[in-house]
Amino acid sequence: MIDVYTWPTPNGHKVHIMLEECGLAYTVHAVNIGAGDQFEPDFLAISPNNKIPAIVDSDGPDGGEFSLFESGAILVYLAGKTGKFLPRGDRKRYEVLEWLMFQMGGVGPMLGQNHHFRQYAPEKLPYAIDRYTNEAKRLYGVIDRRLAKSEWLGCDEYSIADIATWPWLRNWKNQGIELDAYPHLKAWFERIEQRPAVQRGVQVLADRRRPITDDKAREVLFGKTQYERR
């Protein structure tokens, strides 16, 4: 059994989708990041960076309990555990890993900044909005060009690279993107959207998420609480 400590965000959905795609049994533990659950000692014990998601696998690599944080690492771990969505051959495997790293190092951080300055920043800063909107468009273009040559992002089969990237593109409207401008990406997006496991994965804790409108949640996520030394 896998215990997943999570919240309905793009990084959380990556792991929800992977668990569903792999057909693994799992128990969900909600970590309400707007309420500050991510700073609780029990959670920090398995996720020292105070970020969701994290997992605890009762049947780890050596047969004992094993915990893991960082969504990309969790995807690689689950792929290794099940033999799914990460090809064994070196060429395909490294192609998948390079696009997984592209998501972890580029798509996630840059679209996260885009979303922050467009949606949550206390004042509208044109420079920041323009910078991150333009970077979002650049990244969408990189993905679109890749998908013009390949049905899937990492290699010629659906993989953890697709699972990692897709949830970050669900809020394309809020990122200042017109999806029709990226036809290959749009077709790929819609193919993934129709997968039953994906549909189940994005419903995990979906009823618990609320817009960030109150001052307390804003302070927890973006203020002093986030930066306290622990």
Protein backbone atom coordinates (compact mmCIF):
# COMPACT_ATOMS: atom_id res chain seq x y z
CA MET A 1 0.00 0.00 0.00
CA ILE A 2 1.17 3.50 -0.83
CA ASP A 3 0.24 6.47 1.31
CA VAL A 4 0.26 9.69 -0.71
CA TYR A 5 0.40 13.03 1.06
CA THR A 6 -0.91 15.55 -1.40
CA TRP A 7 -3.15 18.39 -2.52
CA PRO A 8 -4.90 19.01 -5.88
CA THR A 9 -2.13 20.96 -7.59
CA PRO A 10 -0.25 20.13 -10.80
CA ASN A 11 2.52 18.38 -8.86
CA GLY A 12 -0.02 16.47 -6.83
CA HIS A 13 -1.95 15.45 -9.92
CA LYS A 14 1.20 14.02 -11.52
CA VAL A 15 1.42 11.42 -8.79
CA HIS A 16 -2.34 10.80 -8.60
CA ILE A 17 -2.38 10.11 -12.34
CA MET A 18 0.66 7.84 -12.16
CA LEU A 19 -0.84 5.80 -9.33
CA GLU A 20 -4.05 5.41 -11.32
CA GLU A 21 -2.23 4.56 -14.55
CA CYS A 22 -0.19 1.90 -12.74
CA GLY A 23 -3.22 0.45 -10.97
CA LEU A 24 -1.55 0.75 -7.57
CA ALA A 25 -3.50 0.73 -4.32
CA TYR A 26 -3.06 3.97 -2.43
CA THR A 27 -4.47 5.97 0.45
CA VAL A 28 -4.79 9.75 0.14
CA HIS A 29 -3.82 12.05 2.99
CA ALA A 30 -4.82 15.66 2.34
CA VAL A 31 -2.13 18.26 3.05
CA ASN A 32 -3.98 21.56 2.92
CA ILE A 33 -1.23 23.90 1.81
CA GLY A 34 -3.42 26.98 2.28
CA ALA A 35 -3.94 26.08 5.94
CA GLY A 36 -0.25 25.34 6.56
CA ASP A 37 -0.42 21.55 6.88
CA GLN A 38 2.85 21.32 4.95
CA PHE A 39 4.73 22.74 7.95
CA GLU A 40 3.57 20.09 10.40
CA PRO A 41 6.44 18.02 11.85
CA ASP A 42 5.00 14.70 10.70
CA PHE A 43 4.87 15.93 7.12
CA LEU A 44 8.32 17.54 7.27
CA ALA A 45 9.69 14.17 8.39
CA ILE A 46 8.92 12.77 4.93
CA SER A 47 9.06 16.00 2.90
CA PRO A 48 11.79 18.26 4.37
CA ASN A 49 11.24 20.85 1.63
CA ASN A 50 7.64 21.29 2.92
CA LYS A 51 6.19 20.67 -0.55
CA ILE A 52 3.59 18.21 -1.73
CA PRO A 53 3.43 15.48 -2.85
CA ALA A 54 5.26 12.86 -0.83
CA ILE A 55 4.68 9.14 -0.55
CA VAL A 56 5.30 6.36 1.93
CA ASP A 57 5.47 2.90 0.40
CA SER A 58 4.99 0.10 2.92
CA ASP A 59 6.67 -2.25 0.45
CA GLY A 60 9.79 -0.33 -0.50
CA PRO A 61 12.83 -1.44 -2.51
CA ASP A 62 14.17 -3.60 0.33
CA GLY A 63 10.74 -4.80 1.41
CA GLY A 64 10.53 -2.23 4.21
CA GLU A 65 8.84 1.13 4.51
CA PHE A 66 10.23 3.78 2.17
CA SER A 67 9.37 7.47 1.90
CA LEU A 68 10.03 9.79 -1.00
CA PHE A 69 9.42 13.45 -1.83
CA GLU A 70 9.74 15.45 -5.09
CA SER A 71 7.13 14.61 -7.72
CA GLY A 72 9.63 13.78 -10.49
CA ALA A 73 11.51 11.37 -8.23
CA ILE A 74 8.21 9.76 -7.23
CA LEU A 75 7.30 9.20 -10.90
CA VAL A 76 10.65 7.56 -11.59
CA TYR A 77 10.27 5.41 -8.47
CA LEU A 78 6.76 4.25 -9.36
CA ALA A 79 7.87 3.54 -12.93
CA GLY A 80 10.69 1.39 -11.57
CA LYS A 81 8.40 -0.35 -9.11
CA THR A 82 5.84 -1.30 -11.75
CA GLY A 83 7.90 -1.46 -14.93
CA LYS A 84 5.51 1.01 -16.58
CA PHE A 85 5.83 4.34 -18.40
CA LEU A 86 9.65 4.47 -18.42
CA PRO A 87 11.17 2.40 -21.24
CA ARG A 88 13.97 -0.02 -20.40
CA GLY A 89 16.05 0.62 -23.52
CA ASP A 90 18.70 3.26 -22.97
CA ARG A 91 17.79 5.53 -25.90
CA LYS A 92 14.09 5.81 -25.08
CA ARG A 93 14.72 5.88 -21.35
CA TYR A 94 17.03 8.88 -21.59
CA GLU A 95 14.71 10.65 -24.01
CA VAL A 96 11.92 10.31 -21.46
CA LEU A 97 14.17 11.47 -18.62
CA GLU A 98 15.34 14.52 -20.56
CA TRP A 99 11.76 15.67 -21.10
CA LEU A 100 10.91 14.88 -17.49
CA MET A 101 13.79 17.15 -16.46
CA PHE A 102 12.52 19.77 -18.90
CA GLN A 103 9.24 19.77 -17.00
CA MET A 104 10.88 19.82 -13.59
CA GLY A 105 13.40 22.54 -14.41
CA GLY A 106 11.41 24.66 -16.85
CA VAL A 107 7.70 24.06 -17.29
CA GLY A 108 6.85 23.78 -13.59
CA PRO A 109 8.89 26.69 -12.21
CA MET A 110 8.18 29.09 -15.07
CA LEU A 111 4.45 28.41 -15.33
CA GLY A 112 4.26 28.60 -11.56
CA GLN A 113 5.78 32.09 -11.65
CA ASN A 114 3.48 33.02 -14.52
CA HIS A 115 0.45 31.93 -12.53
CA HIS A 116 1.64 33.72 -9.42
CA PHE A 117 2.15 37.10 -11.04
CA ARG A 118 -1.00 36.87 -13.16
CA GLN A 119 -3.30 35.55 -10.41
CA TYR A 120 -1.92 36.00 -6.90
CA ALA A 121 0.57 38.85 -6.67
CA PRO A 122 -0.78 41.68 -4.46
CA GLU A 123 0.01 44.19 -7.19
CA LYS A 124 0.05 43.82 -10.95
CA LEU A 125 3.63 44.15 -12.15
CA PRO A 126 3.65 44.50 -15.95
CA TYR A 127 7.33 43.55 -16.25
CA ALA A 128 6.85 40.30 -14.32
CA ILE A 129 3.59 39.44 -16.08
CA ASP A 130 5.11 40.04 -19.52
CA ARG A 131 8.29 38.15 -18.68
CA TYR A 132 6.59 34.99 -17.45
CA THR A 133 3.76 35.07 -19.99
CA ASN A 134 6.34 35.27 -22.78
CA GLU A 135 8.33 32.45 -21.21
CA ALA A 136 5.15 30.36 -20.99
CA LYS A 137 4.54 30.94 -24.70
CA ARG A 138 8.14 29.97 -25.45
CA LEU A 139 7.80 26.71 -23.49
CA TYR A 140 4.49 25.87 -25.15
CA GLY A 141 6.27 26.40 -28.46
CA VAL A 142 9.09 24.05 -27.51
CA ILE A 143 6.53 21.36 -26.62
CA ASP A 144 4.52 21.98 -29.79
CA ARG A 145 7.61 21.57 -31.98
CA ARG A 146 8.53 18.36 -30.21
CA LEU A 147 5.02 16.97 -30.68
CA ALA A 148 5.10 17.83 -34.36
CA LYS A 149 7.70 15.06 -34.64
CA SER A 150 6.52 12.63 -31.98
CA GLU A 151 3.09 11.49 -30.82
CA TRP A 152 4.27 11.62 -27.21
CA LEU A 153 6.60 13.97 -25.43
CA GLY A 154 9.40 11.70 -24.23
CA CYS A 155 9.55 9.05 -26.93
CA ASP A 156 7.16 7.16 -29.20
CA GLU A 157 5.07 5.93 -26.28
CA TYR A 158 3.14 7.46 -23.41
CA SER A 159 5.47 7.93 -20.45
CA ILE A 160 6.17 9.75 -17.21
CA ALA A 161 7.28 12.74 -19.29
CA ASP A 162 3.68 13.16 -20.50
CA ILE A 163 2.26 12.45 -17.05
CA ALA A 164 4.53 15.09 -15.49
CA THR A 165 3.86 17.82 -18.04
CA TRP A 166 0.16 17.54 -18.77
CA PRO A 167 -1.18 18.76 -15.39
CA TRP A 168 0.85 21.97 -15.68
CA LEU A 169 -0.90 22.87 -18.93
CA ARG A 170 -4.46 22.43 -17.68
CA ASN A 171 -4.65 26.11 -16.65
CA TRP A 172 -3.53 27.41 -20.02
CA LYS A 173 -6.21 30.12 -20.02
CA ASN A 174 -4.87 31.59 -16.76
CA GLN A 175 -1.36 31.49 -18.23
CA GLY A 176 -2.29 33.84 -21.06
CA ILE A 177 -2.14 31.04 -23.64
CA GLU A 178 -4.35 30.39 -26.67
CA LEU A 179 -4.18 26.62 -27.07
CA ASP A 180 -5.20 26.77 -30.74
CA ALA A 181 -1.87 28.47 -31.44
CA TYR A 182 -0.14 25.16 -30.62
CA PRO A 183 -2.02 22.53 -32.67
CA HIS A 184 0.30 19.59 -31.99
CA LEU A 185 0.31 20.30 -28.27
CA LYS A 186 -3.47 20.70 -28.30
CA ALA A 187 -3.97 17.29 -29.95
CA TRP A 188 -1.61 15.69 -27.43
CA PHE A 189 -3.37 17.46 -24.55
CA GLU A 190 -6.76 16.18 -25.66
CA ARG A 191 -5.49 12.60 -26.10
CA ILE A 192 -4.24 12.56 -22.54
CA GLU A 193 -7.37 14.26 -21.23
CA GLN A 194 -9.46 11.35 -22.50
CA ARG A 195 -7.50 8.68 -20.61
CA PRO A 196 -9.67 7.19 -17.81
CA ALA A 197 -6.76 7.07 -15.36
CA VAL A 198 -6.07 10.75 -15.98
CA GLN A 199 -9.70 11.63 -15.40
CA ARG A 200 -9.66 9.71 -12.12
CA GLY A 201 -6.33 11.23 -11.08
CA VAL A 202 -7.44 14.85 -11.42
CA GLN A 203 -10.50 14.14 -9.29
CA VAL A 204 -8.36 13.25 -6.26
CA LEU A 205 -9.21 15.89 -3.61
CA ALA A 206 -10.71 18.09 -6.34
CA ASP A 207 -13.66 18.87 -4.05
CA ARG A 208 -11.26 20.25 -1.40
CA ARG A 209 -9.56 22.90 -3.50
CA ARG A 210 -10.78 26.47 -3.22
CA PRO A 211 -9.57 29.71 -4.83
CA ILE A 212 -6.90 31.45 -2.75
CA THR A 213 -8.74 34.57 -1.69
CA ASP A 214 -8.27 34.91 2.07
CA ASP A 215 -5.34 36.73 3.64
CA LYS A 216 -4.35 33.80 5.84
CA ALA A 217 -3.87 31.43 2.92
CA ARG A 218 -1.95 34.07 0.97
CA GLU A 219 0.36 34.64 3.92
CA VAL A 220 0.94 30.90 4.44
CA LEU A 221 1.72 30.32 0.77
CA PHE A 222 3.54 33.50 -0.15
CA GLY A 223 4.46 35.32 3.05
CA LYS A 224 6.70 35.03 6.08
CA THR A 225 5.40 31.62 7.14
CA GLN A 226 6.77 30.06 3.96
CA TYR A 227 10.27 31.32 4.68
CA GLU A 228 10.63 30.60 8.38
CA ARG A 229 13.61 28.45 9.26
CA ARG A 230 12.57 25.03 10.51
